[in-house]
C-alpha atoms as a PDB file:
ATOM      1  CA  UNK A   1      21.742  -3.568 -13.306  1.00  0.00           C
ATOM      2  CA  UNK A   2      19.783  -6.031 -15.156  1.00  0.00           C
ATOM      3  CA  UNK A   3      18.161  -9.575 -14.357  1.00  0.00           C
ATOM      4  CA  UNK A   4      17.408 -12.056 -16.803  1.00  0.00           C
ATOM      5  CA  UNK A   5      14.018 -13.593 -16.409  1.00  0.00           C
ATOM      6  CA  UNK A   6      13.187 -16.779 -18.094  1.00  0.00           C
ATOM      7  CA  UNK A   7       9.573 -17.960 -18.621  1.00  0.00           C
ATOM      8  CA  UNK A   8       8.349 -20.175 -21.284  1.00  0.00           C
ATOM      9  CA  UNK A   9      11.057 -20.314 -23.542  1.00  0.00           C
ATOM     10  CA  UNK A  10      11.348 -16.362 -23.484  1.00  0.00           C
ATOM     11  CA  UNK A  11      13.941 -14.204 -22.030  1.00  0.00           C
ATOM     12  CA  UNK A  12      12.759 -10.772 -20.711  1.00  0.00           C
ATOM     13  CA  UNK A  13      15.442  -8.260 -19.609  1.00  0.00           C
ATOM     14  CA  UNK A  14      14.368  -6.014 -16.735  1.00  0.00           C
ATOM     15  CA  UNK A  15      16.202  -2.979 -15.762  1.00  0.00           C
ATOM     16  CA  UNK A  16      16.599  -2.386 -11.916  1.00  0.00           C
ATOM     17  CA  UNK A  17      17.327   0.271  -9.360  1.00  0.00           C
ATOM     18  CA  UNK A  18      18.998  -0.671  -6.355  1.00  0.00           C
ATOM     19  CA  UNK A  19      17.182   0.298  -3.091  1.00  0.00           C
ATOM     20  CA  UNK A  20      19.891  -0.307  -0.308  1.00  0.00           C
ATOM     21  CA  UNK A  21      20.769  -4.039  -1.015  1.00  0.00           C
ATOM     22  CA  UNK A  22      17.477  -4.841  -3.030  1.00  0.00           C
ATOM     23  CA  UNK A  23      17.643  -4.828  -6.837  1.00  0.00           C
ATOM     24  CA  UNK A  24      13.921  -3.340  -7.541  1.00  0.00           C
ATOM     25  CA  UNK A  25      12.532  -3.709 -11.174  1.00  0.00           C
ATOM     26  CA  UNK A  26      11.924  -0.308 -12.655  1.00  0.00           C
ATOM     27  CA  UNK A  27       8.669  -1.668 -14.052  1.00  0.00           C
ATOM     28  CA  UNK A  28       6.239  -2.761 -11.246  1.00  0.00           C
ATOM     29  CA  UNK A  29       2.731  -4.305 -11.610  1.00  0.00           C
ATOM     30  CA  UNK A  30       0.308  -2.135  -9.724  1.00  0.00           C
ATOM     31  CA  UNK A  31      -2.746  -3.918  -7.836  1.00  0.00           C
ATOM     32  CA  UNK A  32      -5.483  -1.475  -7.305  1.00  0.00           C
ATOM     33  CA  UNK A  33      -7.353  -2.556 -10.456  1.00  0.00           C
ATOM     34  CA  UNK A  34      -7.258  -6.246  -9.466  1.00  0.00           C
ATOM     35  CA  UNK A  35      -8.284  -6.050  -5.762  1.00  0.00           C
ATOM     36  CA  UNK A  36     -11.329  -3.650  -5.623  1.00  0.00           C
ATOM     37  CA  UNK A  37      -9.569  -0.142  -5.366  1.00  0.00           C
ATOM     38  CA  UNK A  38     -10.488   1.260  -8.677  1.00  0.00           C
ATOM     39  CA  UNK A  39     -10.990   4.854  -7.570  1.00  0.00           C
ATOM     40  CA  UNK A  40     -14.106   4.765  -9.795  1.00  0.00           C
ATOM     41  CA  UNK A  41     -17.057   3.752  -7.868  1.00  0.00           C
ATOM     42  CA  UNK A  42     -18.178   1.438  -5.040  1.00  0.00           C
ATOM     43  CA  UNK A  43     -20.033  -0.771  -7.716  1.00  0.00           C
ATOM     44  CA  UNK A  44     -16.649  -1.153  -9.581  1.00  0.00           C
ATOM     45  CA  UNK A  45     -14.821  -2.120  -6.528  1.00  0.00           C
ATOM     46  CA  UNK A  46     -17.495  -4.678  -5.579  1.00  0.00           C
ATOM     47  CA  UNK A  47     -17.259  -6.507  -9.108  1.00  0.00           C
ATOM     48  CA  UNK A  48     -13.329  -6.390  -8.995  1.00  0.00           C
ATOM     49  CA  UNK A  49     -13.333  -8.189  -5.632  1.00  0.00           C
ATOM     50  CA  UNK A  50     -15.805 -10.757  -6.911  1.00  0.00           C
ATOM     51  CA  UNK A  51     -14.205 -11.242 -10.293  1.00  0.00           C
ATOM     52  CA  UNK A  52     -10.375 -11.280  -9.315  1.00  0.00           C
ATOM     53  CA  UNK A  53      -9.848 -14.443  -7.576  1.00  0.00           C
ATOM     54  CA  UNK A  54      -6.231 -14.858  -6.442  1.00  0.00           C
ATOM     55  CA  UNK A  55      -5.966 -17.403  -9.207  1.00  0.00           C
ATOM     56  CA  UNK A  56      -7.056 -14.952 -11.850  1.00  0.00           C
ATOM     57  CA  UNK A  57      -4.862 -12.148 -10.500  1.00  0.00           C
ATOM     58  CA  UNK A  58      -1.994 -14.654 -10.483  1.00  0.00           C
ATOM     59  CA  UNK A  59      -2.413 -15.182 -14.314  1.00  0.00           C
ATOM     60  CA  UNK A  60      -2.087 -11.315 -14.614  1.00  0.00           C
ATOM     61  CA  UNK A  61       1.221 -11.291 -12.532  1.00  0.00           C
ATOM     62  CA  UNK A  62       2.467 -14.274 -14.559  1.00  0.00           C
ATOM     63  CA  UNK A  63       2.018 -12.428 -17.905  1.00  0.00           C
ATOM     64  CA  UNK A  64       3.751  -9.373 -16.329  1.00  0.00           C
ATOM     65  CA  UNK A  65       6.817 -11.418 -15.384  1.00  0.00           C
ATOM     66  CA  UNK A  66       6.976 -12.886 -18.614  1.00  0.00           C
ATOM     67  CA  UNK A  67       7.408  -9.526 -19.838  1.00  0.00           C
ATOM     68  CA  UNK A  68      10.052  -8.510 -17.327  1.00  0.00           C
ATOM     69  CA  UNK A  69       7.917  -6.933 -14.655  1.00  0.00           C
ATOM     70  CA  UNK A  70       8.910  -9.125 -11.895  1.00  0.00           C
ATOM     71  CA  UNK A  71       7.710  -7.203  -8.940  1.00  0.00           C
ATOM     72  CA  UNK A  72       4.159  -6.297  -7.661  1.00  0.00           C
ATOM     73  CA  UNK A  73       3.197  -3.425  -5.502  1.00  0.00           C
ATOM     74  CA  UNK A  74       0.265  -3.704  -3.001  1.00  0.00           C
ATOM     75  CA  UNK A  75      -0.881  -3.885   0.591  1.00  0.00           C
ATOM     76  CA  UNK A  76      -1.150  -6.584   3.159  1.00  0.00           C
ATOM     77  CA  UNK A  77      -4.112  -8.078   1.735  1.00  0.00           C
ATOM     78  CA  UNK A  78      -4.747 -11.949   2.019  1.00  0.00           C
ATOM     79  CA  UNK A  79      -6.059 -12.435  -1.688  1.00  0.00           C
ATOM     80  CA  UNK A  80      -2.817 -10.384  -2.841  1.00  0.00           C
ATOM     81  CA  UNK A  81      -0.504 -12.603  -0.783  1.00  0.00           C
ATOM     82  CA  UNK A  82      -2.291 -15.803  -2.176  1.00  0.00           C
ATOM     83  CA  UNK A  83      -2.051 -14.474  -5.686  1.00  0.00           C
ATOM     84  CA  UNK A  84       1.849 -13.966  -5.365  1.00  0.00           C
ATOM     85  CA  UNK A  85       1.928 -17.568  -3.951  1.00  0.00           C
ATOM     86  CA  UNK A  86      -0.170 -18.919  -7.076  1.00  0.00           C
ATOM     87  CA  UNK A  87       2.125 -16.838  -9.417  1.00  0.00           C
ATOM     88  CA  UNK A  88       5.069 -18.676  -8.104  1.00  0.00           C
ATOM     89  CA  UNK A  89       3.252 -21.910  -8.962  1.00  0.00           C
ATOM     90  CA  UNK A  90       2.706 -20.735 -12.444  1.00  0.00           C
ATOM     91  CA  UNK A  91       6.085 -19.359 -13.286  1.00  0.00           C
ATOM     92  CA  UNK A  92       8.629 -21.139 -10.760  1.00  0.00           C
ATOM     93  CA  UNK A  93       9.521 -17.587  -9.466  1.00  0.00           C
ATOM     94  CA  UNK A  94       7.811 -15.577  -6.903  1.00  0.00           C
ATOM     95  CA  UNK A  95       7.370 -11.815  -7.697  1.00  0.00           C
ATOM     96  CA  UNK A  96       9.300  -9.365  -5.555  1.00  0.00           C
ATOM     97  CA  UNK A  97       6.479  -7.904  -3.410  1.00  0.00           C
ATOM     98  CA  UNK A  98       6.955  -4.137  -2.804  1.00  0.00           C
ATOM     99  CA  UNK A  99       4.525  -4.087   0.085  1.00  0.00           C
ATOM    100  CA  UNK A 100       2.425  -1.213   1.425  1.00  0.00           C
ATOM    101  CA  UNK A 101       0.628  -1.053   4.855  1.00  0.00           C
ATOM    102  CA  UNK A 102      -3.053  -1.595   4.683  1.00  0.00           C
ATOM    103  CA  UNK A 103      -4.575   1.846   5.702  1.00  0.00           C
ATOM    104  CA  UNK A 104      -7.886   0.775   7.146  1.00  0.00           C
ATOM    105  CA  UNK A 105      -5.988  -1.188   9.862  1.00  0.00           C
ATOM    106  CA  UNK A 106      -4.577   2.178  11.235  1.00  0.00           C
ATOM    107  CA  UNK A 107      -1.035   2.914  12.359  1.00  0.00           C
ATOM    108  CA  UNK A 108      -1.158   1.129  15.597  1.00  0.00           C
ATOM    109  CA  UNK A 109      -1.164  -2.188  13.432  1.00  0.00           C
ATOM    110  CA  UNK A 110       2.133  -1.417  11.925  1.00  0.00           C
ATOM    111  CA  UNK A 111       4.362  -3.758  13.841  1.00  0.00           C
ATOM    112  CA  UNK A 112       1.710  -6.727  13.188  1.00  0.00           C
ATOM    113  CA  UNK A 113       1.610  -5.722   9.688  1.00  0.00           C
ATOM    114  CA  UNK A 114       5.493  -5.442   9.330  1.00  0.00           C
ATOM    115  CA  UNK A 115       5.991  -8.813  10.982  1.00  0.00           C
ATOM    116  CA  UNK A 116       3.235 -10.467   8.518  1.00  0.00           C
ATOM    117  CA  UNK A 117       4.799  -8.658   5.401  1.00  0.00           C
ATOM    118  CA  UNK A 118       8.111 -10.053   6.389  1.00  0.00           C
ATOM    119  CA  UNK A 119       7.026 -13.613   7.079  1.00  0.00           C
ATOM    120  CA  UNK A 120       5.419 -13.324   3.450  1.00  0.00           C
ATOM    121  CA  UNK A 121       8.816 -12.511   1.858  1.00  0.00           C
ATOM    122  CA  UNK A 122       8.514  -8.827   1.046  1.00  0.00           C
ATOM    123  CA  UNK A 123      11.830  -6.876   1.392  1.00  0.00           C
ATOM    124  CA  UNK A 124      10.310  -3.518   1.327  1.00  0.00           C
ATOM    125  CA  UNK A 125       7.363  -1.961   3.208  1.00  0.00           C
ATOM    126  CA  UNK A 126       5.970   1.451   1.913  1.00  0.00           C
ATOM    127  CA  UNK A 127       3.891   3.490   4.518  1.00  0.00           C
ATOM    128  CA  UNK A 128       0.464   4.134   2.972  1.00  0.00           C
ATOM    129  CA  UNK A 129      -0.026   7.389   1.219  1.00  0.00           C
ATOM    130  CA  UNK A 130      -3.179   8.219   3.673  1.00  0.00           C
ATOM    131  CA  UNK A 131      -1.214   8.019   6.755  1.00  0.00           C
ATOM    132  CA  UNK A 132       1.762   9.925   5.249  1.00  0.00           C
ATOM    133  CA  UNK A 133      -0.376  12.663   3.801  1.00  0.00           C
ATOM    134  CA  UNK A 134      -2.031  13.383   7.103  1.00  0.00           C
ATOM    135  CA  UNK A 135       1.181  13.150   9.386  1.00  0.00           C
ATOM    136  CA  UNK A 136       3.044  15.448   7.081  1.00  0.00           C
ATOM    137  CA  UNK A 137       0.199  17.909   7.062  1.00  0.00           C
ATOM    138  CA  UNK A 138       0.010  17.970  10.837  1.00  0.00           C
ATOM    139  CA  UNK A 139       3.617  17.776  11.093  1.00  0.00           C
ATOM    140  CA  UNK A 140       3.505  14.813  13.280  1.00  0.00           C
ATOM    141  CA  UNK A 141       6.964  13.714  12.580  1.00  0.00           C
ATOM    142  CA  UNK A 142       6.965  11.359  15.697  1.00  0.00           C
ATOM    143  CA  UNK A 143       4.232   9.259  14.498  1.00  0.00           C
ATOM    144  CA  UNK A 144       5.990   8.953  11.058  1.00  0.00           C
ATOM    145  CA  UNK A 145       9.390   8.228  12.637  1.00  0.00           C
ATOM    146  CA  UNK A 146       7.707   5.690  14.870  1.00  0.00           C
ATOM    147  CA  UNK A 147       6.314   3.841  11.950  1.00  0.00           C
ATOM    148  CA  UNK A 148       9.611   3.910  10.079  1.00  0.00           C
ATOM    149  CA  UNK A 149      11.266   2.357  13.229  1.00  0.00           C
ATOM    150  CA  UNK A 150       8.613  -0.351  13.584  1.00  0.00           C
ATOM    151  CA  UNK A 151       9.235  -1.266   9.767  1.00  0.00           C
ATOM    152  CA  UNK A 152      13.033  -1.484  10.331  1.00  0.00           C
ATOM    153  CA  UNK A 153      12.663  -3.588  13.396  1.00  0.00           C
ATOM    154  CA  UNK A 154      10.876  -6.187  11.236  1.00  0.00           C
ATOM    155  CA  UNK A 155      13.915  -6.250   8.862  1.00  0.00           C
ATOM    156  CA  UNK A 156      12.126  -4.507   6.045  1.00  0.00           C
ATOM    157  CA  UNK A 157      13.247  -1.386   4.188  1.00  0.00           C
ATOM    158  CA  UNK A 158      10.910   1.560   4.751  1.00  0.00           C
ATOM    159  CA  UNK A 159       9.390   3.561   1.827  1.00  0.00           C
ATOM    160  CA  UNK A 160       6.569   6.065   1.624  1.00  0.00           C
ATOM    161  CA  UNK A 161       4.138   7.387  -0.807  1.00  0.00           C
ATOM    162  CA  UNK A 162       2.787  10.977  -0.847  1.00  0.00           C
ATOM    163  CA  UNK A 163      -0.079  12.614  -2.814  1.00  0.00           C
ATOM    164  CA  UNK A 164       0.499  16.349  -2.229  1.00  0.00           C
ATOM    165  CA  UNK A 165       3.774  18.009  -3.735  1.00  0.00           C
ATOM    166  CA  UNK A 166       4.117  20.387  -1.039  1.00  0.00           C
ATOM    167  CA  UNK A 167       4.086  17.671   1.585  1.00  0.00           C
ATOM    168  CA  UNK A 168       6.450  15.264  -0.472  1.00  0.00           C
ATOM    169  CA  UNK A 169       8.881  18.226  -0.385  1.00  0.00           C
ATOM    170  CA  UNK A 170       8.501  18.554   3.221  1.00  0.00           C
ATOM    171  CA  UNK A 171       8.848  14.777   3.667  1.00  0.00           C
ATOM    172  CA  UNK A 172      12.112  14.758   1.603  1.00  0.00           C
ATOM    173  CA  UNK A 173      13.572  17.806   3.443  1.00  0.00           C
ATOM    174  CA  UNK A 174      12.899  15.999   6.817  1.00  0.00           C
ATOM    175  CA  UNK A 175      15.751  13.597   5.898  1.00  0.00           C
ATOM    176  CA  UNK A 176      13.895  10.696   7.368  1.00  0.00           C
ATOM    177  CA  UNK A 177      14.965   6.859   6.963  1.00  0.00           C
ATOM    178  CA  UNK A 178      13.057   6.613   3.491  1.00  0.00           C
ATOM    179  CA  UNK A 179      15.267   5.425   0.632  1.00  0.00           C
ATOM    180  CA  UNK A 180      12.265   5.164  -1.797  1.00  0.00           C
ATOM    181  CA  UNK A 181       9.550   7.718  -2.083  1.00  0.00           C
ATOM    182  CA  UNK A 182       6.398   7.255  -4.500  1.00  0.00           C
ATOM    183  CA  UNK A 183       4.142   9.874  -5.718  1.00  0.00           C
ATOM    184  CA  UNK A 184       1.476  10.069  -8.728  1.00  0.00           C
ATOM    185  CA  UNK A 185       3.109  11.053 -12.184  1.00  0.00           C
ATOM    186  CA  UNK A 186       0.894  11.288 -15.140  1.00  0.00           C
ATOM    187  CA  UNK A 187       0.219  13.380 -18.157  1.00  0.00           C
ATOM    188  CA  UNK A 188      -3.076  14.498 -17.016  1.00  0.00           C
ATOM    189  CA  UNK A 189      -1.889  15.754 -13.465  1.00  0.00           C
ATOM    190  CA  UNK A 190      -4.627  13.375 -11.962  1.00  0.00           C
ATOM    191  CA  UNK A 191      -4.033  13.030  -8.071  1.00  0.00           C
ATOM    192  CA  UNK A 192      -0.713  15.483  -8.621  1.00  0.00           C
ATOM    193  CA  UNK A 193      -1.934  17.912  -6.022  1.00  0.00           C
ATOM    194  CA  UNK A 194      -2.218  20.739  -6.027  1.00  0.00           C
ATOM    195  CA  UNK A 195      -1.295  20.746  -9.742  1.00  0.00           C
ATOM    196  CA  UNK A 196       1.014  19.079 -12.170  1.00  0.00           C
ATOM    197  CA  UNK A 197       3.804  21.541 -12.341  1.00  0.00           C
ATOM    198  CA  UNK A 198       4.240  22.103  -8.902  1.00  0.00           C
ATOM    199  CA  UNK A 199       4.481  18.236  -8.421  1.00  0.00           C
ATOM    200  CA  UNK A 200       7.063  17.704 -11.080  1.00  0.00           C
ATOM    201  CA  UNK A 201       9.356  20.604  -9.659  1.00  0.00           C
ATOM    202  CA  UNK A 202       9.415  18.557  -6.367  1.00  0.00           C
ATOM    203  CA  UNK A 203       9.912  15.379  -8.112  1.00  0.00           C
ATOM    204  CA  UNK A 204      13.037  17.027  -9.971  1.00  0.00           C
ATOM    205  CA  UNK A 205      14.491  18.339  -6.599  1.00  0.00           C
ATOM    206  CA  UNK A 206      14.414  15.164  -4.533  1.00  0.00           C
ATOM    207  CA  UNK A 207      17.566  13.422  -4.470  1.00  0.00           C
ATOM    208  CA  UNK A 208      16.494   9.883  -3.966  1.00  0.00           C
ATOM    209  CA  UNK A 209      14.638   7.346  -6.493  1.00  0.00           C
ATOM    210  CA  UNK A 210      10.870   8.289  -7.137  1.00  0.00           C
ATOM    211  CA  UNK A 211       8.479   5.586  -7.898  1.00  0.00           C
ATOM    212  CA  UNK A 212       5.815   7.083 -10.143  1.00  0.00           C
ATOM    213  CA  UNK A 213       2.457   5.792  -9.453  1.00  0.00           C
ATOM    214  CA  UNK A 214      -0.933   6.173 -11.407  1.00  0.00           C
ATOM    215  CA  UNK A 215       0.990   6.664 -14.705  1.00  0.00           C
ATOM    216  CA  UNK A 216      -2.295   6.237 -16.759  1.00  0.00           C
ATOM    217  CA  UNK A 217      -4.488   8.147 -14.125  1.00  0.00           C
ATOM    218  CA  UNK A 218      -6.171   4.750 -13.317  1.00  0.00           C
ATOM    219  CA  UNK A 219      -7.651   4.490 -16.932  1.00  0.00           C
ATOM    220  CA  UNK A 220      -8.272   8.050 -17.573  1.00  0.00           C
ATOM    221  CA  UNK A 221      -5.840   8.261 -20.146  1.00  0.00           C
ATOM    222  CA  UNK A 222      -6.505   9.333 -23.712  1.00  0.00           C
ATOM    223  CA  UNK A 223      -7.837   6.562 -26.052  1.00  0.00           C
ATOM    224  CA  UNK A 224      -5.180   4.578 -27.775  1.00  0.00           C
ATOM    225  CA  UNK A 225      -2.441   6.851 -26.436  1.00  0.00           C
ATOM    226  CA  UNK A 226      -0.868   4.382 -23.940  1.00  0.00           C
ATOM    227  CA  UNK A 227       2.600   4.758 -25.361  1.00  0.00           C
ATOM    228  CA  UNK A 228       2.482   8.557 -25.479  1.00  0.00           C
ATOM    229  CA  UNK A 229       1.437   8.837 -21.699  1.00  0.00           C
ATOM    230  CA  UNK A 230       4.049   6.414 -20.581  1.00  0.00           C
ATOM    231  CA  UNK A 231       6.693   8.254 -22.740  1.00  0.00           C
ATOM    232  CA  UNK A 232       5.887  11.299 -20.863  1.00  0.00           C
ATOM    233  CA  UNK A 233       6.064   9.880 -17.405  1.00  0.00           C
ATOM    234  CA  UNK A 234       9.360   8.353 -18.109  1.00  0.00           C
ATOM    235  CA  UNK A 235      10.739  11.570 -19.299  1.00  0.00           C
ATOM    236  CA  UNK A 236      10.196  13.410 -16.188  1.00  0.00           C
ATOM    237  CA  UNK A 237      13.391  14.035 -14.423  1.00  0.00           C
ATOM    238  CA  UNK A 238      13.754  12.167 -11.065  1.00  0.00           C
ATOM    239  CA  UNK A 239      11.302   9.185 -12.145  1.00  0.00           C
ATOM    240  CA  UNK A 240      13.393   6.105 -11.565  1.00  0.00           C
ATOM    241  CA  UNK A 241      10.504   3.312 -11.439  1.00  0.00           C
ATOM    242  CA  UNK A 242       6.960   3.095 -12.499  1.00  0.00           C
ATOM    243  CA  UNK A 243       4.078   1.026 -10.980  1.00  0.00           C
ATOM    244  CA  UNK A 244       1.465   0.428 -13.695  1.00  0.00           C
ATOM    245  CA  UNK A 245      -1.769  -1.381 -13.263  1.00  0.00           C
ATOM    246  CA  UNK A 246      -3.212  -3.844 -15.760  1.00  0.00           C
ATOM    247  CA  UNK A 247      -6.210  -5.919 -15.655  1.00  0.00           C
ATOM    248  CA  UNK A 248      -5.487  -8.836 -18.035  1.00  0.00           C
ATOM    249  CA  UNK A 249      -2.796 -10.282 -19.803  1.00  0.00           C
ATOM    250  CA  UNK A 250      -3.548  -8.427 -23.198  1.00  0.00           C
ATOM    251  CA  UNK A 251      -3.118  -5.093 -21.298  1.00  0.00           C
ATOM    252  CA  UNK A 252       0.168  -6.163 -19.871  1.00  0.00           C
ATOM    253  CA  UNK A 253       1.319  -7.200 -23.287  1.00  0.00           C
ATOM    254  CA  UNK A 254       0.461  -3.844 -24.592  1.00  0.00           C
ATOM    255  CA  UNK A 255       1.938  -1.507 -22.016  1.00  0.00           C
ATOM    256  CA  UNK A 256       4.631  -3.414 -20.184  1.00  0.00           C
ATOM    257  CA  UNK A 257       6.908  -3.704 -23.166  1.00  0.00           C
ATOM    258  CA  UNK A 258       6.750  -0.085 -23.864  1.00  0.00           C
ATOM    259  CA  UNK A 259       7.340   0.849 -20.182  1.00  0.00           C
ATOM    260  CA  UNK A 260      10.312  -1.698 -19.940  1.00  0.00           C
ATOM    261  CA  UNK A 261      12.019  -0.268 -23.184  1.00  0.00           C
ATOM    262  CA  UNK A 262      11.540   3.347 -22.373  1.00  0.00           C
ATOM    263  CA  UNK A 263      13.166   2.940 -18.797  1.00  0.00           C
ATOM    264  CA  UNK A 264      16.026   0.770 -20.289  1.00  0.00           C
ATOM    265  CA  UNK A 265      16.762   3.626 -22.759  1.00  0.00           C
ATOM    266  CA  UNK A 266      16.603   6.190 -20.011  1.00  0.00           C
ATOM    267  CA  UNK A 267      18.969   4.362 -17.675  1.00  0.00           C
ATOM    268  CA  UNK A 268      21.024   2.080 -19.898  1.00  0.00           C
END
């Protein structure tokens, strides 16, 4: 499935995967690097939050959209919601928001978060990996099922992220109402716990779309080898869509066409 995206006199073709009735772009713009979740240091996070106003983030999103990455993944966070609105002013089109719950607010906030997410126009709500990792470890399936139900009650499609391969396998085997699962996939094996090969084996076995997150290991990739790293991610069996973080228009212009073309070649 393809959607033609018009922007600034340029047509960008974006391959999509159908999640229930929602065409989800296979190339998704990540947001950790724009809103202060660098996974590097407290100081880096503080600088990111100071520098990336919603207007600056919107310019990055707009560049991504021009290149065919018309979806954004990120939590219920006011500056992110404002950036989506600003992007629509620039491009005339609002990015599809693959929303996630905001972990610090806690699971009890799920009904209110889901309501706000739906009001902001997102069709999908992914349960934050911090919650999922803990619930699966503790085998607290009731908590997970309750969260899924609350997301459905807000007329959203539930999804989930998990950072541990053994827990991801259990999550998939539990046959829960989760049409999309996300997990780290990158050449270095960063955050692919307990190790890269175990994680890849689970990704290959799961019979539902896998969203690869952290494809460039949050900037820890080998210098000038963006294409090599993205090729490696897309080659992995089971990976159907990829969320990639970029910090500026230039990074978007470098990496998104590579990823877009690789996924189009893989899925036709």
